[in-house]
Amino acid sequence: MASNVGKLQDSCNLQRNLYETSLTDKIFKDDFRPLVVGCQCYTCTNHTRAYVHHLVNVGELLGKTLLMLHNLYHFLRFFEVIQLALEEGTFEKLQNMIATRHCN
């Protein structure tokens, strides 16, 4: 069992890179899209990757604050989905879907 857990963790670690973005990277200097296209959080609807890149690179606190708002928005949506699945009795189905989608 321990080896299966290790394999799952390794797989998830590789997948995690697909969902992480380092806004300190120079490629974002002239990227005027939102952090995540289609995201409705405050950061994505009001600021660009280039602006957040600038804020993060100069050490401006607002950069970290905007990233925190974006991440909190997604965490809250994720936990709303979990709560709904628990209420509807479909949590195991959700769990399997997440494992299949993000950790395989």
N, C-alpha and C. Protein backbone atom coordinates (compact mmCIF):
# COMPACT_ATOMS: atom_id res chain seq x y z
N MET A 1 0.82 -1.20 0.00
CA MET A 1 0.00 0.00 0.00
C MET A 1 0.86 1.25 0.00
N ALA A 2 1.94 1.26 0.79
CA ALA A 2 2.80 2.44 0.87
C ALA A 2 3.39 2.78 -0.49
N SER A 3 3.74 1.77 -1.28
CA SER A 3 4.32 2.05 -2.60
C SER A 3 3.29 2.69 -3.52
N ASN A 4 2.02 2.30 -3.43
CA ASN A 4 0.98 2.92 -4.24
C ASN A 4 0.79 4.38 -3.85
N VAL A 5 0.85 4.66 -2.55
CA VAL A 5 0.73 6.05 -2.09
C VAL A 5 1.89 6.86 -2.65
N GLY A 6 3.09 6.30 -2.62
CA GLY A 6 4.26 6.98 -3.16
C GLY A 6 4.13 7.27 -4.64
N LYS A 7 3.62 6.27 -5.39
CA LYS A 7 3.42 6.46 -6.83
C LYS A 7 2.40 7.56 -7.10
N LEU A 8 1.32 7.57 -6.31
CA LEU A 8 0.30 8.59 -6.48
C LEU A 8 0.88 9.96 -6.19
N GLN A 9 1.67 10.06 -5.13
CA GLN A 9 2.28 11.35 -4.77
C GLN A 9 3.23 11.82 -5.87
N ASP A 10 4.05 10.92 -6.42
CA ASP A 10 4.96 11.28 -7.51
C ASP A 10 4.18 11.79 -8.72
N SER A 11 3.10 11.10 -9.05
CA SER A 11 2.27 11.49 -10.18
C SER A 11 1.66 12.86 -9.94
N CYS A 12 1.17 13.08 -8.74
CA CYS A 12 0.56 14.38 -8.41
C CYS A 12 1.60 15.49 -8.46
N ASN A 13 2.82 15.21 -8.00
CA ASN A 13 3.87 16.23 -8.03
C ASN A 13 4.20 16.63 -9.46
N LEU A 14 4.23 15.66 -10.38
CA LEU A 14 4.48 15.98 -11.77
C LEU A 14 3.34 16.81 -12.36
N GLN A 15 2.11 16.44 -12.03
CA GLN A 15 0.95 17.17 -12.53
C GLN A 15 0.89 18.58 -11.97
N ARG A 16 1.34 18.77 -10.75
CA ARG A 16 1.24 20.06 -10.08
C ARG A 16 1.92 21.15 -10.91
N ASN A 17 3.00 20.81 -11.60
CA ASN A 17 3.70 21.80 -12.41
C ASN A 17 2.83 22.37 -13.52
N LEU A 18 1.84 21.61 -13.97
CA LEU A 18 0.93 22.09 -15.00
C LEU A 18 0.02 23.19 -14.48
N TYR A 19 -0.15 23.26 -13.16
CA TYR A 19 -1.09 24.20 -12.57
C TYR A 19 -0.41 25.33 -11.81
N GLU A 20 0.90 25.36 -11.85
CA GLU A 20 1.64 26.40 -11.16
C GLU A 20 2.25 27.34 -12.18
N THR A 21 2.28 28.62 -11.83
CA THR A 21 2.87 29.63 -12.68
C THR A 21 3.77 30.51 -11.82
N SER A 22 4.96 30.75 -12.29
CA SER A 22 5.86 31.66 -11.58
C SER A 22 5.84 33.00 -12.30
N LEU A 23 5.18 33.96 -11.71
CA LEU A 23 5.05 35.27 -12.35
C LEU A 23 6.33 36.08 -12.29
N THR A 24 7.38 35.54 -11.70
CA THR A 24 8.66 36.23 -11.73
C THR A 24 9.38 35.99 -13.06
N ASP A 25 8.92 35.01 -13.82
CA ASP A 25 9.53 34.66 -15.11
C ASP A 25 9.37 35.81 -16.11
N LYS A 26 10.42 36.09 -16.86
CA LYS A 26 10.43 37.20 -17.82
C LYS A 26 9.37 37.08 -18.91
N ILE A 27 8.89 35.87 -19.17
CA ILE A 27 7.90 35.70 -20.25
C ILE A 27 6.60 36.45 -19.95
N PHE A 28 6.37 36.83 -18.70
CA PHE A 28 5.13 37.52 -18.35
C PHE A 28 5.24 39.04 -18.43
N LYS A 29 6.43 39.54 -18.74
CA LYS A 29 6.67 40.98 -18.78
C LYS A 29 5.70 41.71 -19.71
N ASP A 30 5.42 41.11 -20.85
CA ASP A 30 4.52 41.74 -21.83
C ASP A 30 3.26 40.90 -22.08
N ASP A 31 2.84 40.16 -21.08
CA ASP A 31 1.66 39.30 -21.21
C ASP A 31 0.46 40.02 -20.58
N PHE A 32 -0.42 40.51 -21.41
CA PHE A 32 -1.52 41.35 -20.93
C PHE A 32 -2.84 40.58 -20.77
N ARG A 33 -2.73 39.28 -20.62
CA ARG A 33 -3.90 38.45 -20.33
C ARG A 33 -4.09 38.38 -18.81
N PRO A 34 -5.29 37.96 -18.37
CA PRO A 34 -5.46 37.73 -16.93
C PRO A 34 -4.61 36.53 -16.50
N LEU A 35 -4.46 36.34 -15.19
CA LEU A 35 -3.67 35.21 -14.70
C LEU A 35 -4.20 33.91 -15.29
N VAL A 36 -5.51 33.73 -15.23
CA VAL A 36 -6.17 32.56 -15.82
C VAL A 36 -7.31 33.08 -16.69
N VAL A 37 -7.21 32.85 -17.97
CA VAL A 37 -8.24 33.32 -18.90
C VAL A 37 -9.58 32.71 -18.51
N GLY A 38 -10.58 33.54 -18.36
CA GLY A 38 -11.92 33.08 -17.98
C GLY A 38 -12.19 33.12 -16.49
N CYS A 39 -11.15 33.32 -15.68
CA CYS A 39 -11.33 33.40 -14.22
C CYS A 39 -12.08 34.68 -13.87
N GLN A 40 -12.99 34.59 -12.92
CA GLN A 40 -13.81 35.73 -12.54
C GLN A 40 -13.39 36.37 -11.22
N CYS A 41 -12.20 36.03 -10.72
CA CYS A 41 -11.75 36.63 -9.46
C CYS A 41 -11.39 38.10 -9.68
N TYR A 42 -11.26 38.82 -8.58
CA TYR A 42 -10.93 40.25 -8.66
C TYR A 42 -9.63 40.48 -9.43
N THR A 43 -8.62 39.69 -9.13
CA THR A 43 -7.31 39.87 -9.76
C THR A 43 -7.41 39.70 -11.27
N CYS A 44 -8.02 38.63 -11.70
CA CYS A 44 -8.09 38.32 -13.14
C CYS A 44 -9.00 39.28 -13.90
N THR A 45 -10.02 39.80 -13.25
CA THR A 45 -10.93 40.72 -13.95
C THR A 45 -10.41 42.15 -13.96
N ASN A 46 -9.39 42.45 -13.16
CA ASN A 46 -8.91 43.83 -13.07
C ASN A 46 -7.44 44.04 -13.38
N HIS A 47 -6.66 42.96 -13.46
CA HIS A 47 -5.21 43.11 -13.63
C HIS A 47 -4.66 42.08 -14.61
N THR A 48 -3.50 42.36 -15.16
CA THR A 48 -2.87 41.47 -16.14
C THR A 48 -1.68 40.74 -15.52
N ARG A 49 -1.25 39.71 -16.24
CA ARG A 49 -0.06 38.99 -15.82
C ARG A 49 1.15 39.93 -15.79
N ALA A 50 1.23 40.82 -16.76
CA ALA A 50 2.37 41.75 -16.82
C ALA A 50 2.40 42.65 -15.59
N TYR A 51 1.24 43.14 -15.18
CA TYR A 51 1.19 44.02 -14.01
C TYR A 51 1.56 43.26 -12.74
N VAL A 52 1.00 42.09 -12.55
CA VAL A 52 1.32 41.30 -11.36
C VAL A 52 2.79 40.88 -11.40
N HIS A 53 3.30 40.54 -12.57
CA HIS A 53 4.72 40.23 -12.74
C HIS A 53 5.57 41.39 -12.25
N HIS A 54 5.23 42.59 -12.68
CA HIS A 54 5.98 43.78 -12.26
C HIS A 54 5.93 43.94 -10.74
N LEU A 55 4.74 43.84 -10.17
CA LEU A 55 4.59 44.01 -8.72
C LEU A 55 5.41 42.98 -7.94
N VAL A 56 5.36 41.74 -8.38
CA VAL A 56 6.10 40.68 -7.68
C VAL A 56 7.61 40.90 -7.80
N ASN A 57 8.07 41.29 -8.98
CA ASN A 57 9.51 41.46 -9.20
C ASN A 57 10.10 42.66 -8.47
N VAL A 58 9.30 43.68 -8.22
CA VAL A 58 9.83 44.83 -7.47
C VAL A 58 9.57 44.70 -5.98
N GLY A 59 8.95 43.58 -5.58
CA GLY A 59 8.72 43.33 -4.15
C GLY A 59 7.55 44.11 -3.57
N GLU A 60 6.66 44.55 -4.41
CA GLU A 60 5.50 45.32 -3.95
C GLU A 60 4.51 44.37 -3.28
N LEU A 61 4.05 44.72 -2.11
CA LEU A 61 3.12 43.88 -1.36
C LEU A 61 1.83 43.62 -2.13
N LEU A 62 1.41 44.57 -2.94
CA LEU A 62 0.18 44.40 -3.71
C LEU A 62 0.25 43.16 -4.62
N GLY A 63 1.43 42.84 -5.13
CA GLY A 63 1.58 41.66 -5.98
C GLY A 63 1.18 40.39 -5.25
N LYS A 64 1.71 40.22 -4.05
CA LYS A 64 1.38 39.03 -3.26
C LYS A 64 -0.09 39.05 -2.83
N THR A 65 -0.62 40.23 -2.58
CA THR A 65 -2.02 40.36 -2.20
C THR A 65 -2.94 39.94 -3.35
N LEU A 66 -2.62 40.39 -4.55
CA LEU A 66 -3.43 40.01 -5.72
C LEU A 66 -3.36 38.51 -5.99
N LEU A 67 -2.17 37.93 -5.82
CA LEU A 67 -2.04 36.48 -5.98
C LEU A 67 -2.83 35.73 -4.91
N MET A 68 -2.80 36.26 -3.69
CA MET A 68 -3.56 35.64 -2.61
C MET A 68 -5.06 35.68 -2.91
N LEU A 69 -5.55 36.81 -3.40
CA LEU A 69 -6.98 36.92 -3.74
C LEU A 69 -7.35 35.90 -4.82
N HIS A 70 -6.51 35.77 -5.82
CA HIS A 70 -6.76 34.80 -6.90
C HIS A 70 -6.81 33.38 -6.33
N ASN A 71 -5.82 33.02 -5.53
CA ASN A 71 -5.76 31.67 -4.97
C ASN A 71 -6.93 31.39 -4.03
N LEU A 72 -7.29 32.36 -3.20
CA LEU A 72 -8.43 32.18 -2.29
C LEU A 72 -9.73 31.96 -3.06
N TYR A 73 -9.90 32.70 -4.14
CA TYR A 73 -11.08 32.53 -4.98
C TYR A 73 -11.20 31.08 -5.43
N HIS A 74 -10.08 30.51 -5.90
CA HIS A 74 -10.11 29.13 -6.39
C HIS A 74 -10.26 28.12 -5.26
N PHE A 75 -9.63 28.37 -4.12
CA PHE A 75 -9.81 27.48 -2.97
C PHE A 75 -11.27 27.47 -2.53
N LEU A 76 -11.88 28.65 -2.46
CA LEU A 76 -13.28 28.74 -2.04
C LEU A 76 -14.21 28.01 -3.01
N ARG A 77 -13.98 28.16 -4.32
CA ARG A 77 -14.79 27.44 -5.31
C ARG A 77 -14.62 25.93 -5.12
N PHE A 78 -13.37 25.50 -4.89
CA PHE A 78 -13.09 24.08 -4.71
C PHE A 78 -13.84 23.54 -3.50
N PHE A 79 -13.81 24.27 -2.39
CA PHE A 79 -14.49 23.79 -1.17
C PHE A 79 -16.01 23.87 -1.30
N GLU A 80 -16.52 24.79 -2.11
CA GLU A 80 -17.96 24.81 -2.38
C GLU A 80 -18.38 23.54 -3.12
N VAL A 81 -17.56 23.10 -4.06
CA VAL A 81 -17.85 21.88 -4.80
C VAL A 81 -17.81 20.68 -3.86
N ILE A 82 -16.84 20.64 -2.96
CA ILE A 82 -16.74 19.55 -1.99
C ILE A 82 -17.98 19.54 -1.09
N GLN A 83 -18.37 20.71 -0.60
CA GLN A 83 -19.53 20.79 0.28
C GLN A 83 -20.79 20.31 -0.44
N LEU A 84 -20.97 20.71 -1.67
CA LEU A 84 -22.13 20.29 -2.44
C LEU A 84 -22.11 18.77 -2.65
N ALA A 85 -20.95 18.22 -2.96
CA ALA A 85 -20.84 16.77 -3.15
C ALA A 85 -21.17 16.02 -1.87
N LEU A 86 -20.74 16.54 -0.73
CA LEU A 86 -21.06 15.91 0.55
C LEU A 86 -22.57 15.95 0.81
N GLU A 87 -23.18 17.10 0.52
CA GLU A 87 -24.62 17.24 0.73
C GLU A 87 -25.41 16.33 -0.19
N GLU A 88 -24.93 16.13 -1.41
CA GLU A 88 -25.64 15.31 -2.39
C GLU A 88 -25.25 13.83 -2.31
N GLY A 89 -24.28 13.50 -1.47
CA GLY A 89 -23.84 12.12 -1.34
C GLY A 89 -23.00 11.64 -2.51
N THR A 90 -22.36 12.57 -3.21
CA THR A 90 -21.55 12.21 -4.38
C THR A 90 -20.07 12.49 -4.16
N PHE A 91 -19.65 12.55 -2.91
CA PHE A 91 -18.26 12.90 -2.62
C PHE A 91 -17.28 11.88 -3.19
N GLU A 92 -17.59 10.59 -3.07
CA GLU A 92 -16.68 9.56 -3.58
C GLU A 92 -16.51 9.71 -5.09
N LYS A 93 -17.59 10.01 -5.79
CA LYS A 93 -17.52 10.22 -7.23
C LYS A 93 -16.63 11.42 -7.54
N LEU A 94 -16.78 12.51 -6.80
CA LEU A 94 -15.95 13.70 -6.98
C LEU A 94 -14.49 13.37 -6.70
N GLN A 95 -14.25 12.63 -5.63
CA GLN A 95 -12.89 12.25 -5.26
C GLN A 95 -12.23 11.44 -6.38
N ASN A 96 -12.95 10.50 -6.93
CA ASN A 96 -12.41 9.68 -8.02
C ASN A 96 -12.15 10.53 -9.27
N MET A 97 -13.05 11.46 -9.56
CA MET A 97 -12.87 12.33 -10.72
C MET A 97 -11.62 13.20 -10.56
N ILE A 98 -11.43 13.75 -9.37
CA ILE A 98 -10.25 14.59 -9.13
C ILE A 98 -8.98 13.77 -9.22
N ALA A 99 -8.98 12.58 -8.63
CA ALA A 99 -7.78 11.73 -8.68
C ALA A 99 -7.46 11.33 -10.12
N THR A 100 -8.48 11.02 -10.90
CA THR A 100 -8.28 10.61 -12.28
C THR A 100 -7.81 11.79 -13.11
N ARG A 101 -8.37 12.93 -12.90
CA ARG A 101 -8.07 14.11 -13.71
C ARG A 101 -6.73 14.72 -13.39
N HIS A 102 -6.35 14.77 -12.13
CA HIS A 102 -5.17 15.51 -11.72
C HIS A 102 -4.01 14.66 -11.23
N CYS A 103 -4.24 13.41 -10.96
CA CYS A 103 -3.17 12.61 -10.36
C CYS A 103 -2.93 11.31 -11.09
N ASN A 104 -3.16 11.28 -12.39
CA ASN A 104 -2.86 10.06 -13.17
C ASN A 104 -1.93 10.42 -14.31
